[in-house]
Amino acid sequence: MSVAIFYSAIPPDSHLYQRLQTERALMLLVERLFPYGNGIFRFFEIEPAEIDEILNDVIEEHQNILGSESEATVWIDQFREEIRLTCEAYPGIEDRSTMLESATRIERRLSQKLVEQQVENASERVRSLIVGVQDFAPHLSGADFEYRMMFVPLSLVQEGARLLQEIDPNTFFTEQEDERGYNRTQFTGLRNLYLEAAERNEEVLVLVE
C-alpha cells in the first residue's frame, strides 16, 4: 500500500457529522478537501492563494453537486462555519488528525505485534484501523467523488485504542528497520489519534488517496 492515507477524528454527536449524513454538497467538500493541509479542520489555515485554487477547481469540476458559482460559494461558507463551530464545541479536534505514507510496513509490523500478543484475527483488526471498516454516508457518494471515504465506528476506535496502548512506539521498529525514525513517527501519530479519539468518544474518518 504505497498511497497516502489521511485520518481525522470526528464527533458523532456534532452538527457537522449529522449534516454529512444528509447533504451531498458538504460531503463532497469534506472528501475533496481532506488531503490538503493538516486535516479537514485546518483546511482554511493554509495559504489563501492555495485555498482559492483548490476551491476553484472543486467548483468547476462539481457544478452538478455544488450548483452555480454563487451557490457553491454558499456551500463553502456553510462548510467553513461548520468547521468553526465544531472546533469551538470540541476543543483540539483540529489536532486529532494524522496521515500514513508507509502504511504497508506499519500494517505488517502491527499485525506481527498483535499476533505476538495472541490477539485473535490480528490482521483483520489492524486492517480495519488502517483503512476503515465501512463507507461513510455511502448513500451520498458515487462516481462524482474522486476518493472513497471510510470511517471507524466508536466501538472499534475504543478497541483499537486498547490494542495500540499496549505497544511502545519507541520499540515498534528496530533501529535497523527504521534508521531515521520515519515509520516510528508515523505509527506514533496513528496511535495518538486513536487514543485521543477514544478518550473523547469520537469516530475516525479515513480517506485513501
C-alpha atoms as a PDB file:
ATOM      1  CA  MET A   1       0.000   0.000   0.000  1.00  0.00           C
ATOM      2  CA  SER A   2       2.068   2.942  -1.285  1.00  0.00           C
ATOM      3  CA  VAL A   3      -0.691   5.536  -1.347  1.00  0.00           C
ATOM      4  CA  ALA A   4      -1.228   8.203   1.287  1.00  0.00           C
ATOM      5  CA  ILE A   5      -3.935   7.620   3.884  1.00  0.00           C
ATOM      6  CA  PHE A   6      -5.469  10.524   5.801  1.00  0.00           C
ATOM      7  CA  TYR A   7      -7.208  10.330   9.175  1.00  0.00           C
ATOM      8  CA  SER A   8      -9.333  12.708  11.210  1.00  0.00           C
ATOM      9  CA  ALA A   9     -11.330  12.258  14.383  1.00  0.00           C
ATOM     10  CA  ILE A  10     -14.934  13.434  14.150  1.00  0.00           C
ATOM     11  CA  PRO A  11     -17.515  13.677  16.953  1.00  0.00           C
ATOM     12  CA  PRO A  12     -20.597  11.600  16.009  1.00  0.00           C
ATOM     13  CA  ASP A  13     -22.846  13.930  18.011  1.00  0.00           C
ATOM     14  CA  SER A  14     -21.629  17.069  16.217  1.00  0.00           C
ATOM     15  CA  HIS A  15     -23.833  19.111  13.902  1.00  0.00           C
ATOM     16  CA  LEU A  16     -21.265  18.686  11.135  1.00  0.00           C
ATOM     17  CA  TYR A  17     -21.438  14.900  11.414  1.00  0.00           C
ATOM     18  CA  GLN A  18     -25.224  14.952  11.156  1.00  0.00           C
ATOM     19  CA  ARG A  19     -25.177  17.211   8.108  1.00  0.00           C
ATOM     20  CA  LEU A  20     -22.626  14.995   6.392  1.00  0.00           C
ATOM     21  CA  GLN A  21     -25.141  12.171   6.584  1.00  0.00           C
ATOM     22  CA  THR A  22     -27.767  14.079   4.585  1.00  0.00           C
ATOM     23  CA  GLU A  23     -26.162  16.856   2.491  1.00  0.00           C
ATOM     24  CA  ARG A  24     -24.196  15.700  -0.518  1.00  0.00           C
ATOM     25  CA  ALA A  25     -22.546  19.049  -1.198  1.00  0.00           C
ATOM     26  CA  LEU A  26     -20.972  19.156   2.262  1.00  0.00           C
ATOM     27  CA  MET A  27     -19.937  15.530   1.946  1.00  0.00           C
ATOM     28  CA  LEU A  28     -18.228  16.340  -1.354  1.00  0.00           C
ATOM     29  CA  LEU A  29     -16.324  19.249   0.169  1.00  0.00           C
ATOM     30  CA  VAL A  30     -15.024  17.114   3.037  1.00  0.00           C
ATOM     31  CA  GLU A  31     -13.981  14.359   0.638  1.00  0.00           C
ATOM     32  CA  ARG A  32     -12.204  16.701  -1.789  1.00  0.00           C
ATOM     33  CA  LEU A  33     -10.534  18.923   0.847  1.00  0.00           C
ATOM     34  CA  PHE A  34      -9.489  16.122   3.197  1.00  0.00           C
ATOM     35  CA  PRO A  35      -5.967  15.606   1.729  1.00  0.00           C
ATOM     36  CA  TYR A  36      -4.927  19.265   1.955  1.00  0.00           C
ATOM     37  CA  GLY A  37      -3.274  20.998   4.886  1.00  0.00           C
ATOM     38  CA  ASN A  38      -3.223  19.231   8.219  1.00  0.00           C
ATOM     39  CA  GLY A  39      -6.697  17.706   8.260  1.00  0.00           C
ATOM     40  CA  ILE A  40     -10.181  18.864   7.339  1.00  0.00           C
ATOM     41  CA  PHE A  41     -10.435  21.099  10.402  1.00  0.00           C
ATOM     42  CA  ARG A  42      -7.319  23.026   9.357  1.00  0.00           C
ATOM     43  CA  PHE A  43      -8.017  23.398   5.642  1.00  0.00           C
ATOM     44  CA  PHE A  44      -8.703  27.118   5.883  1.00  0.00           C
ATOM     45  CA  GLU A  45      -5.368  27.697   7.618  1.00  0.00           C
ATOM     46  CA  ILE A  46      -3.288  27.017   4.508  1.00  0.00           C
ATOM     47  CA  GLU A  47      -2.159  29.805   2.164  1.00  0.00           C
ATOM     48  CA  PRO A  48      -5.129  31.857   0.861  1.00  0.00           C
ATOM     49  CA  ALA A  49      -3.931  31.582  -2.740  1.00  0.00           C
ATOM     50  CA  GLU A  50      -3.781  27.805  -2.429  1.00  0.00           C
ATOM     51  CA  ILE A  51      -7.245  27.717  -0.849  1.00  0.00           C
ATOM     52  CA  ASP A  52      -8.658  29.731  -3.747  1.00  0.00           C
ATOM     53  CA  GLU A  53      -7.000  27.496  -6.340  1.00  0.00           C
ATOM     54  CA  ILE A  54      -8.272  24.293  -4.719  1.00  0.00           C
ATOM     55  CA  LEU A  55     -11.793  25.596  -4.239  1.00  0.00           C
ATOM     56  CA  ASN A  56     -11.988  26.973  -7.786  1.00  0.00           C
ATOM     57  CA  ASP A  57     -11.058  23.544  -9.141  1.00  0.00           C
ATOM     58  CA  VAL A  58     -13.691  21.851  -6.962  1.00  0.00           C
ATOM     59  CA  ILE A  59     -16.380  24.319  -8.038  1.00  0.00           C
ATOM     60  CA  GLU A  60     -15.524  23.911 -11.720  1.00  0.00           C
ATOM     61  CA  GLU A  61     -15.466  20.111 -11.559  1.00  0.00           C
ATOM     62  CA  HIS A  62     -18.613  19.617  -9.492  1.00  0.00           C
ATOM     63  CA  GLN A  63     -21.241  22.067 -10.670  1.00  0.00           C
ATOM     64  CA  ASN A  64     -23.719  19.180 -10.771  1.00  0.00           C
ATOM     65  CA  ILE A  65     -23.473  18.931  -6.981  1.00  0.00           C
ATOM     66  CA  LEU A  66     -22.437  22.412  -5.836  1.00  0.00           C
ATOM     67  CA  GLY A  67     -24.502  24.343  -8.364  1.00  0.00           C
ATOM     68  CA  SER A  68     -23.549  27.697  -9.849  1.00  0.00           C
ATOM     69  CA  GLU A  69     -20.549  29.650  -8.595  1.00  0.00           C
ATOM     70  CA  SER A  70     -22.743  31.683  -6.253  1.00  0.00           C
ATOM     71  CA  GLU A  71     -24.477  28.553  -4.936  1.00  0.00           C
ATOM     72  CA  ALA A  72     -21.118  26.843  -4.452  1.00  0.00           C
ATOM     73  CA  THR A  73     -19.872  29.850  -2.501  1.00  0.00           C
ATOM     74  CA  VAL A  74     -22.816  29.467  -0.111  1.00  0.00           C
ATOM     75  CA  TRP A  75     -21.946  25.803   0.450  1.00  0.00           C
ATOM     76  CA  ILE A  76     -18.304  26.673   1.086  1.00  0.00           C
ATOM     77  CA  ASP A  77     -19.293  29.386   3.557  1.00  0.00           C
ATOM     78  CA  GLN A  78     -21.529  26.885   5.363  1.00  0.00           C
ATOM     79  CA  PHE A  79     -18.710  24.357   5.441  1.00  0.00           C
ATOM     80  CA  ARG A  80     -16.308  26.916   6.880  1.00  0.00           C
ATOM     81  CA  GLU A  81     -18.854  27.824   9.552  1.00  0.00           C
ATOM     82  CA  GLU A  82     -19.449  24.176  10.464  1.00  0.00           C
ATOM     83  CA  ILE A  83     -15.687  23.733  10.848  1.00  0.00           C
ATOM     84  CA  ARG A  84     -15.515  26.768  13.116  1.00  0.00           C
ATOM     85  CA  LEU A  85     -18.434  25.645  15.267  1.00  0.00           C
ATOM     86  CA  THR A  86     -17.087  22.111  15.593  1.00  0.00           C
ATOM     87  CA  CYS A  87     -13.681  23.390  16.682  1.00  0.00           C
ATOM     88  CA  GLU A  88     -15.357  25.592  19.284  1.00  0.00           C
ATOM     89  CA  ALA A  89     -17.556  22.804  20.617  1.00  0.00           C
ATOM     90  CA  TYR A  90     -14.832  20.122  20.634  1.00  0.00           C
ATOM     91  CA  PRO A  91     -11.527  21.685  21.721  1.00  0.00           C
ATOM     92  CA  GLY A  92      -8.483  20.256  19.997  1.00  0.00           C
ATOM     93  CA  ILE A  93     -10.444  18.402  17.310  1.00  0.00           C
ATOM     94  CA  GLU A  94      -8.320  20.129  14.670  1.00  0.00           C
ATOM     95  CA  ASP A  95      -5.218  18.398  16.037  1.00  0.00           C
ATOM     96  CA  ARG A  96      -6.716  14.913  16.149  1.00  0.00           C
ATOM     97  CA  SER A  97      -5.602  14.032  12.651  1.00  0.00           C
ATOM     98  CA  THR A  98      -2.681  12.276  11.014  1.00  0.00           C
ATOM     99  CA  MET A  99      -1.561  10.548   7.827  1.00  0.00           C
ATOM    100  CA  LEU A 100       0.392   7.473   6.737  1.00  0.00           C
ATOM    101  CA  GLU A 101       2.690   7.258   3.752  1.00  0.00           C
ATOM    102  CA  SER A 102       4.272   3.933   4.686  1.00  0.00           C
ATOM    103  CA  ALA A 103       1.081   2.104   5.585  1.00  0.00           C
ATOM    104  CA  THR A 104       2.224  -1.280   4.279  1.00  0.00           C
ATOM    105  CA  ARG A 105       5.175  -1.537   6.641  1.00  0.00           C
ATOM    106  CA  ILE A 106       3.187  -0.260   9.608  1.00  0.00           C
ATOM    107  CA  GLU A 107       0.280  -2.589   8.874  1.00  0.00           C
ATOM    108  CA  ARG A 108       2.602  -5.597   8.562  1.00  0.00           C
ATOM    109  CA  ARG A 109       4.559  -4.767  11.715  1.00  0.00           C
ATOM    110  CA  LEU A 110       1.438  -4.022  13.748  1.00  0.00           C
ATOM    111  CA  SER A 111      -0.142  -7.304  12.683  1.00  0.00           C
ATOM    112  CA  GLN A 112       3.002  -9.113  13.822  1.00  0.00           C
ATOM    113  CA  LYS A 113       2.882  -7.350  17.180  1.00  0.00           C
ATOM    114  CA  LEU A 114      -0.732  -8.330  17.784  1.00  0.00           C
ATOM    115  CA  VAL A 115      -0.055 -11.925  16.765  1.00  0.00           C
ATOM    116  CA  GLU A 116       2.770 -11.984  19.310  1.00  0.00           C
ATOM    117  CA  GLN A 117       0.263 -10.739  21.903  1.00  0.00           C
ATOM    118  CA  GLN A 118      -2.102 -13.546  20.861  1.00  0.00           C
ATOM    119  CA  VAL A 119      -4.809 -11.168  19.664  1.00  0.00           C
ATOM    120  CA  GLU A 120      -7.440 -13.001  17.620  1.00  0.00           C
ATOM    121  CA  ASN A 121      -7.906 -12.008  13.978  1.00  0.00           C
ATOM    122  CA  ALA A 122      -4.914  -9.689  14.292  1.00  0.00           C
ATOM    123  CA  SER A 123      -4.556  -8.912  10.575  1.00  0.00           C
ATOM    124  CA  GLU A 124      -8.251  -8.126  10.146  1.00  0.00           C
ATOM    125  CA  ARG A 125      -8.271  -5.849  13.187  1.00  0.00           C
ATOM    126  CA  VAL A 126      -5.217  -3.967  12.005  1.00  0.00           C
ATOM    127  CA  ARG A 127      -6.694  -3.629   8.523  1.00  0.00           C
ATOM    128  CA  SER A 128      -9.848  -2.036   9.947  1.00  0.00           C
ATOM    129  CA  LEU A 129      -7.773   0.537  11.860  1.00  0.00           C
ATOM    130  CA  ILE A 130      -5.636   1.373   8.835  1.00  0.00           C
ATOM    131  CA  VAL A 131      -8.277   1.703   6.096  1.00  0.00           C
ATOM    132  CA  GLY A 132     -11.591   1.822   7.984  1.00  0.00           C
ATOM    133  CA  VAL A 133     -14.388  -0.706   8.023  1.00  0.00           C
ATOM    134  CA  GLN A 134     -17.225   0.820   6.016  1.00  0.00           C
ATOM    135  CA  ASP A 135     -18.099   3.710   3.736  1.00  0.00           C
ATOM    136  CA  PHE A 136     -19.096   6.951   5.377  1.00  0.00           C
ATOM    137  CA  ALA A 137     -22.561   8.019   4.152  1.00  0.00           C
ATOM    138  CA  PRO A 138     -22.466   5.652   1.126  1.00  0.00           C
ATOM    139  CA  HIS A 139     -25.897   6.851   0.001  1.00  0.00           C
ATOM    140  CA  LEU A 140     -24.348  10.246  -0.809  1.00  0.00           C
ATOM    141  CA  SER A 141     -21.148   9.219  -2.567  1.00  0.00           C
ATOM    142  CA  GLY A 142     -20.817   7.920  -6.102  1.00  0.00           C
ATOM    143  CA  ALA A 143     -18.985   8.315  -9.387  1.00  0.00           C
ATOM    144  CA  ASP A 144     -18.723  12.078  -8.860  1.00  0.00           C
ATOM    145  CA  PHE A 145     -16.443  11.555  -5.863  1.00  0.00           C
ATOM    146  CA  GLU A 146     -12.720  11.229  -6.505  1.00  0.00           C
ATOM    147  CA  TYR A 147     -11.897   9.257  -3.362  1.00  0.00           C
ATOM    148  CA  ARG A 148     -13.586   6.722  -1.141  1.00  0.00           C
ATOM    149  CA  MET A 149     -14.096   7.994   2.392  1.00  0.00           C
ATOM    150  CA  MET A 150     -14.326   5.331   5.065  1.00  0.00           C
ATOM    151  CA  PHE A 151     -14.740   5.502   8.827  1.00  0.00           C
ATOM    152  CA  VAL A 152     -14.017   3.586  12.001  1.00  0.00           C
ATOM    153  CA  PRO A 153     -17.042   3.499  14.356  1.00  0.00           C
ATOM    154  CA  LEU A 154     -16.685   4.357  18.008  1.00  0.00           C
ATOM    155  CA  SER A 155     -16.665   0.752  19.257  1.00  0.00           C
ATOM    156  CA  LEU A 156     -13.705  -0.102  17.023  1.00  0.00           C
ATOM    157  CA  VAL A 157     -11.926   3.163  17.838  1.00  0.00           C
ATOM    158  CA  GLN A 158     -12.066   2.200  21.505  1.00  0.00           C
ATOM    159  CA  GLU A 159     -10.962  -1.371  20.799  1.00  0.00           C
ATOM    160  CA  GLY A 160      -8.115  -0.095  18.635  1.00  0.00           C
ATOM    161  CA  ALA A 161      -7.020   2.300  21.373  1.00  0.00           C
ATOM    162  CA  ARG A 162      -6.839  -0.563  23.864  1.00  0.00           C
ATOM    163  CA  LEU A 163      -4.665  -2.575  21.489  1.00  0.00           C
ATOM    164  CA  LEU A 164      -2.395   0.297  20.496  1.00  0.00           C
ATOM    165  CA  GLN A 165      -1.929   1.470  24.071  1.00  0.00           C
ATOM    166  CA  GLU A 166      -0.004  -1.726  24.808  1.00  0.00           C
ATOM    167  CA  ILE A 167       2.565  -1.027  22.094  1.00  0.00           C
ATOM    168  CA  ASP A 168       5.581   1.179  22.808  1.00  0.00           C
ATOM    169  CA  PRO A 169       6.286   3.345  19.741  1.00  0.00           C
ATOM    170  CA  ASN A 170       9.963   3.535  20.678  1.00  0.00           C
ATOM    171  CA  THR A 171      10.386  -0.213  20.236  1.00  0.00           C
ATOM    172  CA  PHE A 172       7.840  -0.701  17.453  1.00  0.00           C
ATOM    173  CA  PHE A 173      10.619  -0.823  14.843  1.00  0.00           C
ATOM    174  CA  THR A 174      14.238  -1.769  15.406  1.00  0.00           C
ATOM    175  CA  GLU A 175      16.970   0.703  14.526  1.00  0.00           C
ATOM    176  CA  GLN A 176      17.861  -1.409  11.505  1.00  0.00           C
ATOM    177  CA  GLU A 177      14.248  -1.389  10.273  1.00  0.00           C
ATOM    178  CA  ASP A 178      13.738   2.330  10.791  1.00  0.00           C
ATOM    179  CA  GLU A 179      17.087   4.087  10.822  1.00  0.00           C
ATOM    180  CA  ARG A 180      15.710   7.607  10.557  1.00  0.00           C
ATOM    181  CA  GLY A 181      12.663   7.003  12.740  1.00  0.00           C
ATOM    182  CA  TYR A 182      10.213   7.871   9.944  1.00  0.00           C
ATOM    183  CA  ASN A 183       7.947   4.851  10.375  1.00  0.00           C
ATOM    184  CA  ARG A 184       8.064   5.191  14.144  1.00  0.00           C
ATOM    185  CA  THR A 185       6.911   8.790  13.864  1.00  0.00           C
ATOM    186  CA  GLN A 186       4.010   7.840  11.608  1.00  0.00           C
ATOM    187  CA  PHE A 187       2.965   4.999  13.884  1.00  0.00           C
ATOM    188  CA  THR A 188       3.093   7.323  16.901  1.00  0.00           C
ATOM    189  CA  GLY A 189       0.741   9.725  15.107  1.00  0.00           C
ATOM    190  CA  LEU A 190      -1.736   6.942  14.350  1.00  0.00           C
ATOM    191  CA  ARG A 191      -1.534   5.587  17.897  1.00  0.00           C
ATOM    192  CA  ASN A 192      -2.061   9.011  19.459  1.00  0.00           C
ATOM    193  CA  LEU A 193      -5.035   9.695  17.205  1.00  0.00           C
ATOM    194  CA  TYR A 194      -6.823   6.527  18.309  1.00  0.00           C
ATOM    195  CA  LEU A 195      -6.010   7.044  21.984  1.00  0.00           C
ATOM    196  CA  GLU A 196      -7.245  10.638  21.950  1.00  0.00           C
ATOM    197  CA  ALA A 197     -10.350   9.906  19.848  1.00  0.00           C
ATOM    198  CA  ALA A 198     -11.313   7.001  22.119  1.00  0.00           C
ATOM    199  CA  GLU A 199     -10.930   9.166  25.206  1.00  0.00           C
ATOM    200  CA  ARG A 200     -13.373  11.694  23.737  1.00  0.00           C
ATOM    201  CA  ASN A 201     -15.846   9.199  22.189  1.00  0.00           C
ATOM    202  CA  GLU A 202     -15.036  10.246  18.651  1.00  0.00           C
ATOM    203  CA  GLU A 203     -15.067   8.221  15.460  1.00  0.00           C
ATOM    204  CA  VAL A 204     -12.289   8.315  12.853  1.00  0.00           C
ATOM    205  CA  LEU A 205     -12.682   9.290   9.196  1.00  0.00           C
ATOM    206  CA  VAL A 206     -10.278   7.602   6.780  1.00  0.00           C
ATOM    207  CA  LEU A 207      -9.509   8.664   3.227  1.00  0.00           C
ATOM    208  CA  VAL A 208      -7.206   6.694   0.930  1.00  0.00           C
ATOM    209  CA  GLU A 209      -5.809   8.979  -1.739  1.00  0.00           C
END
